Amino acid sequence: MRMQIMKNVYLTKFVAVLFIIIALSACSLPKRPALETSSWMVAPERIGNPYKPRSDLWLKMGSSSTAPPFDGKSLVYRLGDQRYEKDFYNTYSVLPNEMVGNATRQWLNNAQIFSMTVGQGNSFFPYYILQTSIEEFYGDYRVRPEAVVTIEFFLTATDPQKRNPVIGQNRYSKRVVLKDNSPQALVLGQQDALAQILKEYEVVLYKYAGNLPPPLGQ
């Protein structure tokens, strides 16, 4: 009888220890699978023949700013007149101002309007500076899915003696209808919209480059 009692006690302890081990193992496992995240890049490429260069000097990309709430990495959806939502599971690889700045620099280098277009971090002395302001960068889903991109360009000359260093100020706004409401469709739509903007702006910039003020000190 006593042996049976001892066996029951050991069995009870074993079951209790086993239960604790299982419980601890369960606590170390995720309660639900992690949600997948995706990273996107807007990088339109210029297609076509370059211009005949109109300046043997270089253009420098200046600062690029983005208006809230489009200044973060998250894709932004407009669901109402005053309602915007950020998608934290679908993000841009870099901030929108960096994406647009890099895309603009590469686009203008391919256009060859200037001898070269250099980035903001370059040490070349800038005779002419191009700054960008991103006013809108989102997907509009109020009526039908559309990509919305609005950018303003400021071309200036480096001359502290000029009262108005601005050579040109140009604003463009594009809407591209999306094939569906997926994040990929939005990114492709934004890329198309940015390409349209840069295609129009390069024509204007080419005209500016043909009548630039003399560089500082010349």
N, C-alpha and C. Protein backbone atom coordinates (compact mmCIF):
# COMPACT_ATOMS: atom_id res chain seq x y z
N MET A 1 0.83 -1.21 0.00
CA MET A 1 0.00 0.00 0.00
C MET A 1 0.87 1.26 0.00
N ARG A 2 1.92 1.19 0.86
CA ARG A 2 2.80 2.36 0.96
C ARG A 2 3.55 2.58 -0.36
N MET A 3 3.95 1.48 -1.03
CA MET A 3 4.64 1.59 -2.30
C MET A 3 3.75 2.24 -3.34
N GLN A 4 2.46 1.91 -3.31
CA GLN A 4 1.52 2.50 -4.28
C GLN A 4 1.36 3.99 -4.04
N ILE A 5 1.34 4.39 -2.75
CA ILE A 5 1.22 5.80 -2.41
C ILE A 5 2.44 6.56 -2.90
N MET A 6 3.64 5.96 -2.68
CA MET A 6 4.86 6.61 -3.13
C MET A 6 4.87 6.77 -4.65
N LYS A 7 4.42 5.75 -5.34
CA LYS A 7 4.35 5.83 -6.80
C LYS A 7 3.41 6.94 -7.24
N ASN A 8 2.27 7.07 -6.56
CA ASN A 8 1.31 8.12 -6.91
C ASN A 8 1.91 9.51 -6.68
N VAL A 9 2.68 9.66 -5.58
CA VAL A 9 3.31 10.96 -5.26
C VAL A 9 4.32 11.32 -6.33
N TYR A 10 5.18 10.35 -6.69
CA TYR A 10 6.19 10.59 -7.73
C TYR A 10 5.53 10.91 -9.07
N LEU A 11 4.45 10.20 -9.37
CA LEU A 11 3.74 10.44 -10.62
C LEU A 11 3.14 11.83 -10.67
N THR A 12 2.58 12.23 -9.51
CA THR A 12 1.99 13.57 -9.43
C THR A 12 3.05 14.65 -9.62
N LYS A 13 4.22 14.50 -8.99
CA LYS A 13 5.32 15.45 -9.12
C LYS A 13 5.81 15.51 -10.56
N PHE A 14 5.90 14.33 -11.18
CA PHE A 14 6.38 14.27 -12.56
C PHE A 14 5.43 15.01 -13.50
N VAL A 15 4.15 14.76 -13.29
CA VAL A 15 3.14 15.45 -14.13
C VAL A 15 3.20 16.95 -13.92
N ALA A 16 3.40 17.38 -12.65
CA ALA A 16 3.47 18.82 -12.35
C ALA A 16 4.67 19.46 -13.01
N VAL A 17 5.83 18.78 -12.90
CA VAL A 17 7.06 19.31 -13.53
C VAL A 17 6.88 19.37 -15.04
N LEU A 18 6.32 18.32 -15.62
CA LEU A 18 6.09 18.28 -17.06
C LEU A 18 5.17 19.41 -17.49
N PHE A 19 4.15 19.68 -16.71
CA PHE A 19 3.21 20.76 -17.01
C PHE A 19 3.91 22.12 -16.98
N ILE A 20 4.79 22.31 -15.99
CA ILE A 20 5.52 23.58 -15.89
C ILE A 20 6.44 23.77 -17.09
N ILE A 21 7.13 22.68 -17.49
CA ILE A 21 8.03 22.75 -18.64
C ILE A 21 7.27 23.11 -19.90
N ILE A 22 6.11 22.47 -20.09
CA ILE A 22 5.28 22.75 -21.27
C ILE A 22 4.79 24.18 -21.24
N ALA A 23 4.40 24.65 -20.06
CA ALA A 23 3.89 26.01 -19.93
C ALA A 23 4.96 27.04 -20.26
N LEU A 24 6.18 26.79 -19.71
CA LEU A 24 7.28 27.71 -20.00
C LEU A 24 7.64 27.71 -21.48
N SER A 25 7.62 26.54 -22.10
CA SER A 25 7.92 26.46 -23.53
C SER A 25 6.88 27.20 -24.34
N ALA A 26 5.63 27.08 -23.90
CA ALA A 26 4.55 27.78 -24.61
C ALA A 26 4.72 29.28 -24.51
N CYS A 27 5.20 29.75 -23.34
CA CYS A 27 5.38 31.19 -23.16
C CYS A 27 6.47 31.74 -24.05
N SER A 28 7.46 30.90 -24.39
CA SER A 28 8.58 31.37 -25.21
C SER A 28 8.23 31.39 -26.69
N LEU A 29 7.11 30.79 -27.10
CA LEU A 29 6.70 30.78 -28.49
C LEU A 29 5.79 31.97 -28.77
N PRO A 30 5.84 32.52 -30.03
CA PRO A 30 4.94 33.62 -30.37
C PRO A 30 3.50 33.16 -30.34
N LYS A 31 2.64 34.01 -29.83
CA LYS A 31 1.23 33.66 -29.73
C LYS A 31 0.55 33.68 -31.09
N ARG A 32 1.13 34.49 -32.05
CA ARG A 32 0.59 34.54 -33.39
C ARG A 32 1.72 34.84 -34.36
N PRO A 33 1.62 34.43 -35.59
CA PRO A 33 2.69 34.70 -36.55
C PRO A 33 2.88 36.19 -36.77
N ALA A 34 4.14 36.62 -36.92
CA ALA A 34 4.42 38.04 -37.13
C ALA A 34 3.91 38.48 -38.50
N LEU A 35 3.38 39.71 -38.56
CA LEU A 35 2.90 40.25 -39.81
C LEU A 35 4.09 40.62 -40.70
N GLU A 36 3.98 40.31 -41.97
CA GLU A 36 5.06 40.60 -42.90
C GLU A 36 5.08 42.08 -43.26
N THR A 37 6.27 42.61 -43.45
CA THR A 37 6.42 44.00 -43.88
C THR A 37 7.10 44.02 -45.24
N SER A 38 6.82 45.07 -46.00
CA SER A 38 7.40 45.22 -47.34
C SER A 38 8.02 46.60 -47.46
N SER A 39 9.11 46.68 -48.22
CA SER A 39 9.81 47.94 -48.43
C SER A 39 9.79 48.27 -49.92
N TRP A 40 9.51 49.54 -50.24
CA TRP A 40 9.32 49.94 -51.63
C TRP A 40 10.23 51.12 -51.98
N MET A 41 10.51 51.26 -53.28
CA MET A 41 11.34 52.36 -53.77
C MET A 41 10.69 52.99 -55.00
N VAL A 42 10.59 54.32 -54.99
CA VAL A 42 10.11 55.07 -56.15
C VAL A 42 11.34 55.60 -56.88
N ALA A 43 11.62 55.07 -58.06
CA ALA A 43 12.84 55.44 -58.77
C ALA A 43 12.60 55.39 -60.28
N PRO A 44 11.95 56.40 -60.84
CA PRO A 44 11.71 56.41 -62.29
C PRO A 44 13.01 56.60 -63.07
N GLU A 45 13.10 55.98 -64.23
CA GLU A 45 14.28 56.10 -65.09
C GLU A 45 13.91 56.87 -66.36
N ARG A 46 14.80 57.79 -66.72
CA ARG A 46 14.57 58.58 -67.94
C ARG A 46 14.90 57.74 -69.16
N ILE A 47 13.99 57.77 -70.13
CA ILE A 47 14.18 57.06 -71.39
C ILE A 47 14.20 58.08 -72.52
N GLY A 48 15.15 57.93 -73.41
CA GLY A 48 15.23 58.86 -74.53
C GLY A 48 16.61 59.46 -74.65
N ASN A 49 16.83 60.17 -75.76
CA ASN A 49 18.13 60.78 -76.01
C ASN A 49 18.35 61.99 -75.10
N PRO A 50 19.59 62.22 -74.69
CA PRO A 50 19.88 63.40 -73.87
C PRO A 50 19.85 64.68 -74.70
N TYR A 51 19.79 65.81 -74.01
CA TYR A 51 19.83 67.10 -74.68
C TYR A 51 21.27 67.42 -75.09
N LYS A 52 21.39 68.40 -75.96
CA LYS A 52 22.70 68.98 -76.21
C LYS A 52 22.99 69.89 -75.03
N PRO A 53 24.06 69.66 -74.27
CA PRO A 53 24.31 70.44 -73.05
C PRO A 53 24.28 71.95 -73.29
N ARG A 54 23.62 72.67 -72.39
CA ARG A 54 23.51 74.12 -72.52
C ARG A 54 24.39 74.85 -71.51
N SER A 55 25.08 74.10 -70.66
CA SER A 55 25.97 74.70 -69.68
C SER A 55 27.12 73.75 -69.41
N ASP A 56 28.34 74.30 -69.36
CA ASP A 56 29.50 73.47 -69.04
C ASP A 56 29.77 73.47 -67.54
N LEU A 57 28.84 74.05 -66.77
CA LEU A 57 28.94 74.07 -65.31
C LEU A 57 28.06 72.97 -64.73
N TRP A 58 28.06 72.86 -63.41
CA TRP A 58 27.29 71.79 -62.81
C TRP A 58 26.14 72.36 -61.98
N LEU A 59 25.16 71.53 -61.80
CA LEU A 59 24.00 71.84 -60.97
C LEU A 59 24.09 70.99 -59.72
N LYS A 60 23.79 71.58 -58.59
CA LYS A 60 23.85 70.84 -57.33
C LYS A 60 22.46 70.70 -56.74
N MET A 61 22.12 69.48 -56.33
CA MET A 61 20.84 69.25 -55.66
C MET A 61 20.93 69.82 -54.25
N GLY A 62 20.04 70.73 -53.94
CA GLY A 62 20.01 71.31 -52.60
C GLY A 62 19.08 70.53 -51.69
N SER A 63 18.56 71.19 -50.71
CA SER A 63 17.70 70.53 -49.73
C SER A 63 16.38 70.11 -50.37
N SER A 64 15.81 69.05 -49.84
CA SER A 64 14.51 68.56 -50.29
C SER A 64 13.64 68.33 -49.06
N SER A 65 12.51 68.98 -49.02
CA SER A 65 11.62 68.89 -47.86
C SER A 65 10.32 68.20 -48.25
N THR A 66 9.65 67.62 -47.25
CA THR A 66 8.37 66.94 -47.47
C THR A 66 7.38 67.41 -46.43
N ALA A 67 6.20 67.79 -46.87
CA ALA A 67 5.17 68.27 -45.96
C ALA A 67 4.55 67.10 -45.20
N PRO A 68 4.24 67.28 -43.91
CA PRO A 68 3.52 66.25 -43.15
C PRO A 68 2.11 66.09 -43.73
N PRO A 69 1.53 64.92 -43.66
CA PRO A 69 2.02 63.69 -43.00
C PRO A 69 2.78 62.75 -43.94
N PHE A 70 3.32 63.32 -45.02
CA PHE A 70 3.97 62.48 -46.04
C PHE A 70 5.48 62.40 -45.84
N ASP A 71 5.97 62.90 -44.72
CA ASP A 71 7.42 63.03 -44.51
C ASP A 71 8.05 61.81 -43.84
N GLY A 72 7.27 60.76 -43.62
CA GLY A 72 7.82 59.53 -43.02
C GLY A 72 7.98 58.44 -44.06
N LYS A 73 8.45 57.28 -43.62
CA LYS A 73 8.68 56.16 -44.53
C LYS A 73 7.40 55.40 -44.86
N SER A 74 6.38 55.53 -44.05
CA SER A 74 5.15 54.76 -44.26
C SER A 74 4.37 55.27 -45.47
N LEU A 75 3.79 54.35 -46.23
CA LEU A 75 2.87 54.74 -47.28
C LEU A 75 1.67 55.42 -46.63
N VAL A 76 1.13 56.43 -47.28
CA VAL A 76 0.03 57.20 -46.71
C VAL A 76 -1.20 57.06 -47.61
N TYR A 77 -2.35 56.74 -46.97
CA TYR A 77 -3.61 56.59 -47.69
C TYR A 77 -4.58 57.68 -47.25
N ARG A 78 -5.21 58.31 -48.23
CA ARG A 78 -6.24 59.30 -47.91
C ARG A 78 -7.61 58.62 -48.05
N LEU A 79 -8.32 58.52 -46.92
CA LEU A 79 -9.60 57.82 -46.89
C LEU A 79 -10.78 58.77 -46.75
N GLY A 80 -10.52 60.03 -46.45
CA GLY A 80 -11.57 61.04 -46.32
C GLY A 80 -10.96 62.41 -46.52
N ASP A 81 -11.82 63.43 -46.54
CA ASP A 81 -11.31 64.78 -46.77
C ASP A 81 -10.29 65.19 -45.71
N GLN A 82 -10.50 64.78 -44.46
CA GLN A 82 -9.55 65.10 -43.39
C GLN A 82 -8.94 63.84 -42.77
N ARG A 83 -9.11 62.71 -43.42
CA ARG A 83 -8.63 61.45 -42.84
C ARG A 83 -7.50 60.85 -43.66
N TYR A 84 -6.34 60.76 -43.04
CA TYR A 84 -5.17 60.12 -43.64
C TYR A 84 -4.72 58.99 -42.71
N GLU A 85 -4.28 57.89 -43.30
CA GLU A 85 -3.77 56.78 -42.51
C GLU A 85 -2.41 56.35 -43.03
N LYS A 86 -1.51 55.98 -42.10
CA LYS A 86 -0.18 55.49 -42.46
C LYS A 86 -0.15 53.98 -42.39
N ASP A 87 0.50 53.38 -43.37
CA ASP A 87 0.64 51.92 -43.42
C ASP A 87 2.03 51.56 -42.90
N PHE A 88 2.08 51.10 -41.65
CA PHE A 88 3.37 50.81 -41.03
C PHE A 88 3.95 49.47 -41.49
N TYR A 89 3.18 48.70 -42.26
CA TYR A 89 3.67 47.42 -42.77
C TYR A 89 4.14 47.52 -44.21
N ASN A 90 3.89 48.67 -44.84
CA ASN A 90 4.40 48.94 -46.18
C ASN A 90 5.09 50.29 -46.14
N THR A 91 6.41 50.28 -46.28
CA THR A 91 7.20 51.48 -46.12
C THR A 91 8.12 51.69 -47.32
N TYR A 92 8.59 52.94 -47.47
CA TYR A 92 9.60 53.23 -48.48
C TYR A 92 10.97 52.85 -47.95
N SER A 93 11.88 52.51 -48.85
CA SER A 93 13.22 52.11 -48.43
C SER A 93 13.96 53.27 -47.78
N VAL A 94 13.69 54.49 -48.27
CA VAL A 94 14.26 55.70 -47.68
C VAL A 94 13.16 56.73 -47.59
N LEU A 95 13.43 57.85 -46.95
CA LEU A 95 12.44 58.90 -46.81
C LEU A 95 12.06 59.47 -48.18
N PRO A 96 10.82 59.92 -48.35
CA PRO A 96 10.38 60.44 -49.65
C PRO A 96 11.26 61.57 -50.19
N ASN A 97 11.73 62.48 -49.33
CA ASN A 97 12.58 63.57 -49.84
C ASN A 97 13.89 63.04 -50.40
N GLU A 98 14.44 61.98 -49.80
CA GLU A 98 15.67 61.38 -50.32
C GLU A 98 15.39 60.65 -51.63
N MET A 99 14.26 59.97 -51.72
CA MET A 99 13.89 59.26 -52.94
C MET A 99 13.75 60.23 -54.10
N VAL A 100 12.99 61.30 -53.87
CA VAL A 100 12.74 62.27 -54.94
C VAL A 100 14.02 63.00 -55.32
N GLY A 101 14.83 63.37 -54.32
CA GLY A 101 16.09 64.05 -54.60
C GLY A 101 17.02 63.19 -55.44
N ASN A 102 17.17 61.91 -55.08
CA ASN A 102 18.04 61.01 -55.83
C ASN A 102 17.50 60.75 -57.23
N ALA A 103 16.18 60.56 -57.33
CA ALA A 103 15.58 60.31 -58.64
C ALA A 103 15.74 61.52 -59.55
N THR A 104 15.58 62.72 -59.00
CA THR A 104 15.73 63.95 -59.79
C THR A 104 17.17 64.10 -60.28
N ARG A 105 18.13 63.86 -59.39
CA ARG A 105 19.54 63.98 -59.76
C ARG A 105 19.89 63.01 -60.88
N GLN A 106 19.47 61.74 -60.76
CA GLN A 106 19.78 60.75 -61.79
C GLN A 106 19.08 61.09 -63.11
N TRP A 107 17.86 61.57 -63.01
CA TRP A 107 17.09 61.94 -64.21
C TRP A 107 17.80 63.07 -64.96
N LEU A 108 18.22 64.11 -64.24
CA LEU A 108 18.86 65.26 -64.88
C LEU A 108 20.26 64.92 -65.39
N ASN A 109 20.95 64.01 -64.74
CA ASN A 109 22.23 63.54 -65.27
C ASN A 109 22.04 62.84 -66.60
N ASN A 110 20.98 62.05 -66.72
CA ASN A 110 20.68 61.37 -67.98
C ASN A 110 20.24 62.36 -69.05
N ALA A 111 19.60 63.46 -68.62
CA ALA A 111 19.18 64.49 -69.57
C ALA A 111 20.37 65.29 -70.08
N GLN A 112 21.42 65.41 -69.27
CA GLN A 112 22.67 66.09 -69.63
C GLN A 112 22.48 67.56 -69.98
N ILE A 113 21.58 68.24 -69.27
CA ILE A 113 21.39 69.68 -69.49
C ILE A 113 22.60 70.45 -68.99
N PHE A 114 23.09 70.06 -67.82
CA PHE A 114 24.32 70.61 -67.26
C PHE A 114 25.45 69.61 -67.48
N SER A 115 26.67 70.05 -67.21
CA SER A 115 27.80 69.12 -67.36
C SER A 115 27.62 67.93 -66.42
N MET A 116 27.04 68.18 -65.26
CA MET A 116 26.68 67.11 -64.34
C MET A 116 25.77 67.69 -63.26
N THR A 117 25.02 66.80 -62.64
CA THR A 117 24.18 67.17 -61.51
C THR A 117 24.66 66.37 -60.31
N VAL A 118 25.12 67.06 -59.28
CA VAL A 118 25.73 66.39 -58.13
C VAL A 118 24.79 66.41 -56.94
N GLY A 119 25.03 65.49 -56.01
CA GLY A 119 24.20 65.39 -54.82
C GLY A 119 24.51 66.46 -53.79
N GLN A 120 23.66 66.57 -52.80
CA GLN A 120 23.80 67.59 -51.77
C GLN A 120 25.07 67.41 -50.96
N GLY A 121 25.48 66.17 -50.75
CA GLY A 121 26.66 65.91 -49.94
C GLY A 121 27.97 66.07 -50.69
N ASN A 122 27.91 66.44 -51.96
CA ASN A 122 29.13 66.59 -52.74
C ASN A 122 29.85 67.87 -52.37
N SER A 123 31.18 67.86 -52.46
CA SER A 123 31.98 69.01 -52.04
C SER A 123 32.18 70.04 -53.15
N PHE A 124 31.65 69.80 -54.36
CA PHE A 124 31.78 70.77 -55.43
C PHE A 124 31.12 72.08 -55.05
N PHE A 125 31.76 73.20 -55.40
CA PHE A 125 31.14 74.49 -55.13
C PHE A 125 29.93 74.66 -56.06
N PRO A 126 28.77 74.96 -55.51
CA PRO A 126 27.56 75.04 -56.34
C PRO A 126 27.36 76.42 -56.97
N TYR A 127 27.42 76.50 -58.28
CA TYR A 127 27.07 77.74 -58.96
C TYR A 127 25.54 77.89 -59.03
N TYR A 128 24.88 76.74 -59.24
CA TYR A 128 23.42 76.74 -59.34
C TYR A 128 22.88 75.61 -58.48
N ILE A 129 21.80 75.88 -57.80
CA ILE A 129 21.25 74.91 -56.84
C ILE A 129 19.78 74.65 -57.18
N LEU A 130 19.39 73.39 -57.13
CA LEU A 130 18.00 73.00 -57.34
C LEU A 130 17.45 72.40 -56.05
N GLN A 131 16.44 73.05 -55.49
CA GLN A 131 15.79 72.54 -54.28
C GLN A 131 14.39 72.06 -54.63
N THR A 132 13.91 71.09 -53.88
CA THR A 132 12.58 70.54 -54.12
C THR A 132 11.76 70.55 -52.84
N SER A 133 10.48 70.74 -53.02
CA SER A 133 9.53 70.70 -51.90
C SER A 133 8.39 69.76 -52.29
N ILE A 134 8.28 68.65 -51.56
CA ILE A 134 7.23 67.67 -51.85
C ILE A 134 6.00 68.04 -51.02
N GLU A 135 4.96 68.47 -51.69
CA GLU A 135 3.76 68.93 -51.00
C GLU A 135 2.74 67.82 -50.80
N GLU A 136 2.69 66.88 -51.75
CA GLU A 136 1.75 65.75 -51.64
C GLU A 136 2.44 64.48 -52.14
N PHE A 137 2.21 63.38 -51.42
CA PHE A 137 2.83 62.10 -51.78
C PHE A 137 2.02 61.00 -51.10
N TYR A 138 0.90 60.62 -51.72
CA TYR A 138 0.01 59.68 -51.05
C TYR A 138 -0.88 58.96 -52.06
N GLY A 139 -1.68 58.04 -51.55
CA GLY A 139 -2.69 57.37 -52.34
C GLY A 139 -4.06 57.87 -51.95
N ASP A 140 -4.86 58.28 -52.91
CA ASP A 140 -6.20 58.82 -52.65
C ASP A 140 -7.23 57.75 -52.95
N TYR A 141 -7.96 57.30 -51.92
CA TYR A 141 -8.93 56.22 -52.07
C TYR A 141 -10.34 56.69 -51.76
N ARG A 142 -10.60 57.97 -51.86
CA ARG A 142 -11.93 58.49 -51.53
C ARG A 142 -12.97 58.10 -52.57
N VAL A 143 -12.61 58.14 -53.84
CA VAL A 143 -13.54 57.80 -54.91
C VAL A 143 -13.04 56.59 -55.69
N ARG A 144 -11.85 56.73 -56.27
CA ARG A 144 -11.18 55.63 -56.96
C ARG A 144 -9.70 55.71 -56.59
N PRO A 145 -9.01 54.59 -56.57
CA PRO A 145 -7.59 54.62 -56.17
C PRO A 145 -6.75 55.45 -57.14
N GLU A 146 -6.05 56.45 -56.59
CA GLU A 146 -5.18 57.30 -57.38
C GLU A 146 -3.90 57.59 -56.60
N ALA A 147 -2.79 57.67 -57.33
CA ALA A 147 -1.54 58.14 -56.74
C ALA A 147 -1.46 59.64 -56.94
N VAL A 148 -1.09 60.36 -55.89
CA VAL A 148 -1.02 61.82 -55.94
C VAL A 148 0.39 62.27 -55.59
N VAL A 149 0.99 63.04 -56.48
CA VAL A 149 2.34 63.58 -56.25
C VAL A 149 2.33 65.05 -56.67
N THR A 150 2.74 65.93 -55.74
CA THR A 150 2.86 67.35 -56.02
C THR A 150 4.23 67.83 -55.55
N ILE A 151 4.99 68.43 -56.45
CA ILE A 151 6.35 68.87 -56.14
C ILE A 151 6.58 70.27 -56.68
N GLU A 152 7.29 71.08 -55.92
CA GLU A 152 7.70 72.41 -56.36
C GLU A 152 9.22 72.47 -56.45
N PHE A 153 9.72 73.01 -57.55
CA PHE A 153 11.16 73.11 -57.80
C PHE A 153 11.60 74.57 -57.69
N PHE A 154 12.75 74.78 -57.07
CA PHE A 154 13.33 76.12 -56.93
C PHE A 154 14.75 76.08 -57.48
N LEU A 155 14.99 76.77 -58.58
CA LEU A 155 16.32 76.87 -59.16
C LEU A 155 16.91 78.22 -58.79
N THR A 156 18.07 78.22 -58.13
CA THR A 156 18.67 79.46 -57.66
C THR A 156 20.13 79.54 -58.08
N ALA A 157 20.64 80.77 -58.12
CA ALA A 157 22.05 81.03 -58.41
C ALA A 157 22.76 81.38 -57.11
N THR A 158 24.00 80.93 -56.99
CA THR A 158 24.79 81.21 -55.80
C THR A 158 25.48 82.57 -55.97
N ASP A 159 24.83 83.60 -55.48
CA ASP A 159 25.39 84.95 -55.56
C ASP A 159 24.80 85.78 -54.43
N PRO A 160 25.54 85.96 -53.35
CA PRO A 160 25.00 86.69 -52.20
C PRO A 160 24.69 88.15 -52.50
N GLN A 161 25.20 88.69 -53.62
CA GLN A 161 24.94 90.08 -53.94
C GLN A 161 23.63 90.27 -54.70
N LYS A 162 23.07 89.17 -55.19
CA LYS A 162 21.79 89.28 -55.90
C LYS A 162 20.65 89.37 -54.89
N ARG A 163 19.79 90.34 -55.10
CA ARG A 163 18.64 90.49 -54.19
C ARG A 163 17.66 89.33 -54.36
N ASN A 164 17.54 88.84 -55.58
CA ASN A 164 16.65 87.72 -55.84
C ASN A 164 17.42 86.63 -56.57
N PRO A 165 17.94 85.65 -55.82
CA PRO A 165 18.74 84.60 -56.46
C PRO A 165 17.91 83.56 -57.20
N VAL A 166 16.57 83.65 -57.13
CA VAL A 166 15.72 82.63 -57.74
C VAL A 166 15.69 82.81 -59.26
N ILE A 167 16.07 81.78 -59.97
CA ILE A 167 16.00 81.78 -61.43
C ILE A 167 14.64 81.30 -61.90
N GLY A 168 14.14 80.28 -61.24
CA GLY A 168 12.83 79.74 -61.63
C GLY A 168 12.17 79.00 -60.49
N GLN A 169 10.85 79.10 -60.41
CA GLN A 169 10.04 78.41 -59.42
C GLN A 169 8.89 77.75 -60.15
N ASN A 170 8.81 76.42 -60.08
CA ASN A 170 7.81 75.69 -60.86
C ASN A 170 7.17 74.60 -60.01
N ARG A 171 5.85 74.52 -60.12
CA ARG A 171 5.09 73.56 -59.31
C ARG A 171 4.31 72.63 -60.24
N TYR A 172 4.32 71.33 -59.91
CA TYR A 172 3.64 70.33 -60.72
C TYR A 172 2.84 69.40 -59.81
N SER A 173 1.66 69.02 -60.27
CA SER A 173 0.82 68.09 -59.51
C SER A 173 0.24 67.06 -60.48
N LYS A 174 0.41 65.79 -60.15
CA LYS A 174 -0.05 64.72 -61.02
C LYS A 174 -0.89 63.71 -60.24
N ARG A 175 -1.91 63.17 -60.93
CA ARG A 175 -2.74 62.09 -60.39
C ARG A 175 -2.72 60.94 -61.39
N VAL A 176 -2.44 59.74 -60.90
CA VAL A 176 -2.39 58.56 -61.75
C VAL A 176 -3.38 57.53 -61.20
N VAL A 177 -4.31 57.09 -62.03
CA VAL A 177 -5.30 56.08 -61.63
C VAL A 177 -4.61 54.74 -61.43
N LEU A 178 -4.92 54.07 -60.32
CA LEU A 178 -4.30 52.79 -59.99
C LEU A 178 -5.15 51.62 -60.47
N LYS A 179 -4.49 50.51 -60.81
CA LYS A 179 -5.22 49.34 -61.29
C LYS A 179 -5.96 48.63 -60.16
N ASP A 180 -5.46 48.79 -58.92
CA ASP A 180 -6.14 48.23 -57.75
C ASP A 180 -5.69 49.01 -56.52
N ASN A 181 -6.10 48.57 -55.35
CA ASN A 181 -5.77 49.30 -54.12
C ASN A 181 -4.62 48.68 -53.34
N SER A 182 -3.74 47.94 -54.03
CA SER A 182 -2.60 47.32 -53.36
C SER A 182 -1.47 48.33 -53.18
N PRO A 183 -0.59 48.10 -52.19
CA PRO A 183 0.57 48.98 -52.01
C PRO A 183 1.47 49.03 -53.24
N GLN A 184 1.65 47.90 -53.92
CA GLN A 184 2.49 47.88 -55.11
C GLN A 184 1.92 48.78 -56.19
N ALA A 185 0.61 48.76 -56.38
CA ALA A 185 -0.02 49.62 -57.37
C ALA A 185 0.19 51.09 -57.03
N LEU A 186 0.13 51.42 -55.75
CA LEU A 186 0.33 52.82 -55.33
C LEU A 186 1.76 53.26 -55.64
N VAL A 187 2.75 52.44 -55.31
CA VAL A 187 4.15 52.80 -55.55
C VAL A 187 4.41 52.97 -57.05
N LEU A 188 3.88 52.07 -57.86
CA LEU A 188 4.05 52.19 -59.31
C LEU A 188 3.36 53.44 -59.83
N GLY A 189 2.21 53.77 -59.26
CA GLY A 189 1.51 54.99 -59.66
C GLY A 189 2.28 56.25 -59.29
N GLN A 190 2.88 56.25 -58.10
CA GLN A 190 3.70 57.39 -57.69
C GLN A 190 4.94 57.52 -58.57
N GLN A 191 5.51 56.40 -58.95
CA GLN A 191 6.68 56.42 -59.83
C GLN A 191 6.30 57.01 -61.20
N ASP A 192 5.13 56.61 -61.70
CA ASP A 192 4.66 57.15 -62.98
C ASP A 192 4.40 58.65 -62.87
N ALA A 193 3.78 59.07 -61.76
CA ALA A 193 3.50 60.49 -61.56
C ALA A 193 4.79 61.31 -61.48
N LEU A 194 5.79 60.79 -60.75
CA LEU A 194 7.06 61.50 -60.64
C LEU A 194 7.76 61.57 -61.99
N ALA A 195 7.69 60.51 -62.78
CA ALA A 195 8.30 60.52 -64.11
C ALA A 195 7.64 61.59 -65.00
N GLN A 196 6.33 61.71 -64.92
CA GLN A 196 5.63 62.75 -65.69
C GLN A 196 6.10 64.14 -65.29
N ILE A 197 6.25 64.33 -63.98
CA ILE A 197 6.69 65.64 -63.48
C ILE A 197 8.09 65.96 -63.96
N LEU A 198 9.00 65.02 -63.83
CA LEU A 198 10.39 65.25 -64.24
C LEU A 198 10.49 65.44 -65.75
N LYS A 199 9.65 64.77 -66.50
CA LYS A 199 9.66 64.92 -67.95
C LYS A 199 9.25 66.33 -68.35
N GLU A 200 8.28 66.89 -67.64
CA GLU A 200 7.85 68.26 -67.92
C GLU A 200 8.87 69.27 -67.42
N TYR A 201 9.45 69.00 -66.24
CA TYR A 201 10.37 69.98 -65.67
C TYR A 201 11.68 70.06 -66.45
N GLU A 202 12.14 68.96 -67.03
CA GLU A 202 13.40 69.01 -67.76
C GLU A 202 13.32 69.96 -68.95
N VAL A 203 12.15 70.08 -69.55
CA VAL A 203 11.96 71.01 -70.67
C VAL A 203 12.12 72.45 -70.19
N VAL A 204 11.54 72.75 -69.03
CA VAL A 204 11.64 74.09 -68.46
C VAL A 204 13.08 74.37 -68.02
N LEU A 205 13.71 73.38 -67.40
CA LEU A 205 15.08 73.56 -66.93
C LEU A 205 16.03 73.78 -68.10
N TYR A 206 15.77 73.14 -69.21
CA TYR A 206 16.60 73.33 -70.39
C TYR A 206 16.53 74.78 -70.88
N LYS A 207 15.36 75.37 -70.80
CA LYS A 207 15.20 76.78 -71.18
C LYS A 207 15.94 77.69 -70.20
N TYR A 208 15.82 77.38 -68.91
CA TYR A 208 16.55 78.17 -67.91
C TYR A 208 18.06 78.10 -68.16
N ALA A 209 18.54 76.90 -68.46
CA ALA A 209 19.98 76.70 -68.62
C ALA A 209 20.55 77.48 -69.80
N GLY A 210 19.70 77.85 -70.74
CA GLY A 210 20.17 78.63 -71.88
C GLY A 210 20.31 80.11 -71.59
N ASN A 211 19.87 80.55 -70.43
CA ASN A 211 19.93 81.97 -70.09
C ASN A 211 20.25 82.13 -68.61
N LEU A 212 21.31 81.47 -68.16
CA LEU A 212 21.68 81.52 -66.75
C LEU A 212 22.47 82.80 -66.44
N PRO A 213 22.29 83.33 -65.23
CA PRO A 213 23.15 84.47 -64.82
C PRO A 213 24.59 84.00 -64.67
N PRO A 214 25.57 84.89 -64.87
CA PRO A 214 26.97 84.48 -64.76
C PRO A 214 27.26 83.91 -63.38
N PRO A 215 28.12 82.91 -63.30
CA PRO A 215 28.49 82.35 -62.00
C PRO A 215 29.15 83.38 -61.12
N LEU A 216 29.13 83.14 -59.84
CA LEU A 216 29.74 84.04 -58.86
C LEU A 216 31.22 84.25 -59.17
N GLY A 217 31.61 85.55 -59.27
CA GLY A 217 33.02 85.89 -59.52
C GLY A 217 33.40 85.91 -60.97
N GLN A 218 32.42 85.69 -61.88
CA GLN A 218 32.76 85.71 -63.31
C GLN A 218 31.98 86.80 -64.03
